[in-house]
Amino acid sequence: MVPTSEPRRRGAQSKADTAYAHIKEQIERGAFEPYQRVLAAPIAAELGVSGVPVREAIQRLAAEGLLQIVHNVGARVAVIDDHAYRAGMEALAVLDGTATSLAAGQLGAADIERAEEINGSILSMLDDFDPALFEELNAEFHEVLYSACPNERILELARSEWKKFSSIRGPGAAVDLDRARESAEEHGELLELIRGSAPGAQIEQSARRHVLKSLEARTGHRSRLL
C-alpha cells in the first residue's frame, strides 16, 4: 500500500493551530508591544516545531488584522490609527446594540444566568485587577448576550468586530480599574433590562452606550452616537 500524506497534513495543521493560538494569546496579553516584530524562528524554537506552521499562523493572524506584514521588515503587531479605531468602535457599538436587542427575546434563563456568572467573575477580579483577563471576560459576557441574534448577518458582523477589537491594539490606553468597575455595573443594568423584557430600543440604546463609553474612557473621544 502506498502511504498517503494525510497524517502529515493533519499534524502540520495541528502545529499551525498551536502556533496561531500561542501568538494570538501573546498579543492579547500584551506580551508583544505595539509594532513589535513577530519572528518565526524564536517562536518555532519555543514551541518545538519547524518554522512552517509558525509562518502559516502569522499569515492567518495578518489576515485577521492582528499582525501587519511590512516589506523588508516582516510581521509586526498591528496598531490602527486614531480615526480608524474610533470608527471601528462606533461600528461595534451599533452592531452590538442591534444584535443584543434582537437576541434579548431569544435568551433563556440559563443564558442570563451564564452572563451573570461571567459578570460576577469580573467583579471578583477587581481587587486583583488584570486588564487582559477583564477584556477576555468582557468579550465573553457580550458573546452570551448577542449570540442568540436571529439575524445571521448582523450576528456575523457583530462577532467579527468583537473579535477584532478584543485583540487589536488601538491608540487609547488599556482599560483601567475605574472603567472596568463601571463596565460591570453597566452589565448589571443591561441584564436587568433583558430580564425585565424591556423594549428592544431601550436594550439597544443601553448596549450601544456601554461600548461607546468604553471608547470615550480609552481615547477621550465622545461619540456623536452617545
Foldseek 3Di string as FASTA:
>chain_A
DDDDCVVVVVVLVVVLVVLLVVVLVCLLLVVAPAFRADDQVVSCVVVVHDSVSNVVSQVVCVVLVQWPQDPPRGIGGDEDAPVVVLVLLLVLLQLLLLLLLQQLVVDDPVLLVVLVVLLVVLVVCLVVDRLSVLLVSVLVSSCSRRVSRPPVVSNVVNNSSSVSVSRHHYPFDGDDSVLSVVLSVLSVVLSVCSVVVHHSVVSSLSSSVSSQVSVCVGPVDRDPSD
